[in-house]
């Protein structure tokens, strides 16, 4: 089992691209059994819980729509190559992702596959333009996990796991992570950015060789 800790944010387009490329890399390596754990990194940690109007966000972050349009057009081109048809025009609000990160942690702690939820968060935001900071949107996205809806809704409307999510975000910054996606393989090697699938291969090979060398009964492990 290869542990992959993935620092990401569901409103980060490069994280969507990065996950697609990781999926391709893992598909090409059926000899690897990955265990992906999603870790918190909030692009906008001071965003109000209710989020903000998209036009106001773009004006504050990029200085206006013209520069933003150029940047998003470039991202859309890369996205198409990764199989993502970004629809930035459908996004009307930029949400706080604290609640989404809490939901991801909740799903993982329940022993469920949070990668499925992350795919749904990316799709809901970047393709459908949904406000993934809204409780009811998140409840619907998590419906396939067959969790009790009222319990899930109550959790999202509380402050449960907020302290843990905020602490993990701060930990990422203490580790020197300044942008996402950031992939930590086996707690030892980091890959920063939405790298091409081929970038993962040398580290996959290195970790497999390390595992073989340190397996019980190997000549190296007996030295």
Protein backbone atom coordinates (compact mmCIF):
# COMPACT_ATOMS: atom_id res chain seq x y z
CA UNK A 1 0.00 0.00 0.00
CA UNK A 2 1.47 3.34 -1.07
CA UNK A 3 0.36 6.31 1.03
CA UNK A 4 -0.31 9.52 -0.90
CA UNK A 5 -1.19 12.61 1.11
CA UNK A 6 -2.70 15.17 -1.22
CA UNK A 7 -2.95 18.78 -0.12
CA UNK A 8 -5.64 20.37 -2.23
CA UNK A 9 -8.59 22.75 -2.37
CA UNK A 10 -11.81 22.07 -4.30
CA UNK A 11 -11.86 25.63 -5.72
CA UNK A 12 -8.35 25.24 -7.16
CA UNK A 13 -8.49 24.47 -10.90
CA UNK A 14 -4.92 23.19 -10.88
CA UNK A 15 -5.91 20.71 -8.16
CA UNK A 16 -8.63 19.36 -10.46
CA UNK A 17 -6.06 18.98 -13.23
CA UNK A 18 -3.55 17.48 -10.81
CA UNK A 19 -6.02 14.84 -9.64
CA UNK A 20 -6.81 13.88 -13.22
CA UNK A 21 -3.13 13.47 -13.95
CA UNK A 22 -2.54 11.44 -10.78
CA UNK A 23 -5.45 9.18 -11.79
CA UNK A 24 -3.79 8.63 -15.17
CA UNK A 25 -0.45 7.84 -13.52
CA UNK A 26 -2.06 5.30 -11.19
CA UNK A 27 -3.98 3.71 -14.06
CA UNK A 28 -0.68 3.20 -15.84
CA UNK A 29 0.76 1.50 -12.77
CA UNK A 30 -1.60 -1.32 -11.74
CA UNK A 31 1.23 -2.73 -9.60
CA UNK A 32 0.65 0.10 -7.12
CA UNK A 33 -2.05 -0.01 -4.45
CA UNK A 34 -2.52 3.64 -3.47
CA UNK A 35 -4.16 5.01 -0.37
CA UNK A 36 -4.96 8.66 -1.02
CA UNK A 37 -5.64 10.87 1.99
CA UNK A 38 -6.98 14.34 1.22
CA UNK A 39 -5.37 17.09 3.26
CA UNK A 40 -6.56 20.64 3.82
CA UNK A 41 -5.15 23.67 2.06
CA UNK A 42 -7.45 26.67 1.69
CA UNK A 43 -6.58 29.06 -1.12
CA UNK A 44 -8.62 31.74 0.63
CA UNK A 45 -8.36 31.03 4.38
CA UNK A 46 -9.88 34.41 5.30
CA UNK A 47 -12.90 34.01 3.02
CA UNK A 48 -16.15 34.69 4.93
CA UNK A 49 -18.19 31.56 5.59
CA UNK A 50 -20.88 32.82 3.22
CA UNK A 51 -18.37 33.30 0.40
CA UNK A 52 -18.50 36.32 -1.88
CA UNK A 53 -19.74 37.46 -5.25
CA UNK A 54 -17.51 36.10 -8.00
CA UNK A 55 -17.07 39.45 -9.75
CA UNK A 56 -15.99 41.09 -6.50
CA UNK A 57 -13.56 38.23 -5.84
CA UNK A 58 -12.04 38.53 -9.31
CA UNK A 59 -11.68 42.29 -8.94
CA UNK A 60 -9.89 41.87 -5.61
CA UNK A 61 -7.65 38.98 -6.68
CA UNK A 62 -6.82 39.86 -10.28
CA UNK A 63 -7.56 43.56 -10.52
CA UNK A 64 -10.44 43.05 -12.91
CA UNK A 65 -12.00 40.65 -15.40
CA UNK A 66 -9.53 41.16 -18.28
CA UNK A 67 -6.53 39.67 -16.48
CA UNK A 68 -8.71 36.96 -14.96
CA UNK A 69 -10.08 36.01 -18.39
CA UNK A 70 -6.55 35.56 -19.74
CA UNK A 71 -5.51 33.41 -16.81
CA UNK A 72 -8.63 31.25 -16.92
CA UNK A 73 -8.38 30.85 -20.69
CA UNK A 74 -4.88 29.43 -20.21
CA UNK A 75 -6.11 27.08 -17.48
CA UNK A 76 -9.02 25.98 -19.69
CA UNK A 77 -6.59 25.03 -22.46
CA UNK A 78 -4.57 22.84 -20.09
CA UNK A 79 -7.79 21.45 -18.67
CA UNK A 80 -9.03 20.31 -22.06
CA UNK A 81 -5.86 18.28 -22.51
CA UNK A 82 -6.61 16.63 -19.15
CA UNK A 83 -10.20 15.90 -20.12
CA UNK A 84 -11.81 18.75 -18.16
CA UNK A 85 -14.24 21.16 -19.83
CA UNK A 86 -14.01 24.05 -17.37
CA UNK A 87 -17.05 26.36 -17.26
CA UNK A 88 -15.74 29.32 -15.33
CA UNK A 89 -18.59 31.40 -16.74
CA UNK A 90 -21.09 29.44 -14.65
CA UNK A 91 -19.46 30.33 -11.33
CA UNK A 92 -21.40 33.15 -9.67
CA UNK A 93 -19.97 32.94 -6.14
CA UNK A 94 -16.55 32.09 -4.75
CA UNK A 95 -17.24 29.99 -1.65
CA UNK A 96 -15.38 29.43 1.55
CA UNK A 97 -14.13 25.85 1.33
CA UNK A 98 -13.90 25.29 5.09
CA UNK A 99 -17.21 23.39 5.11
CA UNK A 100 -16.19 21.27 2.11
CA UNK A 101 -12.91 20.37 3.80
CA UNK A 102 -14.81 19.43 6.95
CA UNK A 103 -17.01 17.15 4.85
CA UNK A 104 -13.98 15.52 3.22
CA UNK A 105 -12.51 14.84 6.65
CA UNK A 106 -15.86 13.52 7.91
CA UNK A 107 -16.09 11.09 4.98
CA UNK A 108 -12.51 9.91 5.44
CA UNK A 109 -12.97 9.36 9.16
CA UNK A 110 -16.03 7.24 8.31
CA UNK A 111 -13.74 4.98 6.25
CA UNK A 112 -15.24 6.05 2.92
CA UNK A 113 -13.51 7.01 -0.32
CA UNK A 114 -13.10 10.77 -0.17
CA UNK A 115 -11.63 10.79 -3.69
CA UNK A 116 -15.14 10.15 -5.00
CA UNK A 117 -16.40 13.16 -3.07
CA UNK A 118 -13.51 15.32 -4.26
CA UNK A 119 -14.37 14.48 -7.87
CA UNK A 120 -17.95 15.54 -7.20
CA UNK A 121 -16.82 18.79 -5.57
CA UNK A 122 -14.59 19.64 -8.52
CA UNK A 123 -17.33 18.82 -11.01
CA UNK A 124 -20.02 20.70 -9.10
CA UNK A 125 -17.93 23.84 -8.87
CA UNK A 126 -15.99 23.98 -12.11
CA UNK A 127 -18.48 22.39 -14.49
CA UNK A 128 -21.87 23.15 -12.94
CA UNK A 129 -21.10 26.42 -11.17
CA UNK A 130 -22.63 25.29 -7.87
CA UNK A 131 -21.86 27.00 -4.57
CA UNK A 132 -19.97 24.27 -2.73
CA UNK A 133 -19.97 26.36 0.43
CA UNK A 134 -23.72 25.76 0.83
CA UNK A 135 -24.87 23.03 3.18
CA UNK A 136 -27.60 21.67 0.92
CA UNK A 137 -25.27 21.46 -2.07
CA UNK A 138 -22.78 19.47 0.00
CA UNK A 139 -25.49 17.18 1.38
CA UNK A 140 -26.55 16.36 -2.17
CA UNK A 141 -22.98 15.74 -3.31
CA UNK A 142 -22.43 13.33 -0.41
CA UNK A 143 -25.75 11.52 -0.91
CA UNK A 144 -24.19 8.54 -2.68
CA UNK A 145 -22.34 7.59 0.49
CA UNK A 146 -25.73 6.73 2.02
CA UNK A 147 -24.98 8.63 5.20
CA UNK A 148 -28.00 9.66 7.29
CA UNK A 149 -28.98 12.97 5.68
CA UNK A 150 -30.18 14.68 8.84
CA UNK A 151 -27.02 13.69 10.67
CA UNK A 152 -24.93 14.95 7.77
CA UNK A 153 -26.87 18.21 7.60
CA UNK A 154 -26.52 18.69 11.35
CA UNK A 155 -22.78 18.08 11.11
CA UNK A 156 -22.33 20.63 8.32
CA UNK A 157 -24.34 23.27 10.18
CA UNK A 158 -22.21 22.79 13.30
CA UNK A 159 -18.58 23.68 13.92
CA UNK A 160 -17.47 20.04 14.23
CA UNK A 161 -14.01 19.33 12.76
CA UNK A 162 -13.48 23.00 11.98
CA UNK A 163 -10.59 23.25 14.44
CA UNK A 164 -8.97 20.17 12.88
CA UNK A 165 -9.36 21.53 9.35
CA UNK A 166 -7.91 24.92 10.28
CA UNK A 167 -5.01 23.24 12.10
CA UNK A 168 -4.20 21.09 9.07
CA UNK A 169 -4.24 24.16 6.84
CA UNK A 170 -1.77 25.87 9.16
CA UNK A 171 0.37 22.74 9.29
CA UNK A 172 0.62 22.72 5.50
CA UNK A 173 1.96 26.26 5.54
CA UNK A 174 4.44 25.39 8.30
CA UNK A 175 5.66 22.56 6.08
CA UNK A 176 6.42 25.15 3.40
CA UNK A 177 3.47 24.36 1.15
CA UNK A 178 2.56 27.64 -0.54
CA UNK A 179 0.38 26.34 -3.34
CA UNK A 180 -1.55 23.28 -4.36
CA UNK A 181 -1.82 20.57 -5.42
CA UNK A 182 1.02 19.10 -3.40
CA UNK A 183 1.51 15.35 -3.32
CA UNK A 184 3.43 13.72 -0.46
CA UNK A 185 4.38 10.14 -1.30
CA UNK A 186 4.99 7.71 1.57
CA UNK A 187 5.63 10.67 3.87
CA UNK A 188 9.01 11.16 2.20
CA UNK A 189 8.83 12.70 -1.26
CA UNK A 190 6.89 15.76 -2.42
CA UNK A 191 5.65 16.66 -5.86
CA UNK A 192 4.40 20.23 -6.13
CA UNK A 193 1.97 21.38 -8.78
CA UNK A 194 -0.23 19.69 -11.36
CA UNK A 195 2.58 17.66 -12.90
CA UNK A 196 2.24 15.36 -15.90
CA UNK A 197 1.62 11.66 -15.12
CA UNK A 198 5.19 10.80 -16.13
CA UNK A 199 6.54 12.88 -13.25
CA UNK A 200 5.23 10.36 -10.73
CA UNK A 201 6.89 7.32 -12.30
CA UNK A 202 10.46 7.66 -10.96
CA UNK A 203 9.18 8.13 -7.41
CA UNK A 204 6.80 5.20 -7.77
CA UNK A 205 9.76 3.06 -8.84
CA UNK A 206 11.96 4.34 -6.03
CA UNK A 207 9.33 3.63 -3.37
CA UNK A 208 8.68 0.15 -4.74
CA UNK A 209 12.40 -0.64 -4.64
CA UNK A 210 12.63 0.72 -1.10
CA UNK A 211 9.71 -1.48 -0.04
CA UNK A 212 11.31 -4.56 -1.58
CA UNK A 213 14.68 -3.84 0.01
CA UNK A 214 13.13 -3.42 3.45
CA UNK A 215 10.71 -6.31 3.25
CA UNK A 216 11.13 -8.96 5.97
CA UNK A 217 13.63 -11.58 4.86
CA UNK A 218 15.35 -9.44 2.24
CA UNK A 219 19.13 -9.50 2.27
CA UNK A 220 19.30 -5.75 2.85
CA UNK A 221 16.87 -5.79 5.75
CA UNK A 222 19.01 -8.44 7.49
CA UNK A 223 22.18 -6.34 7.34
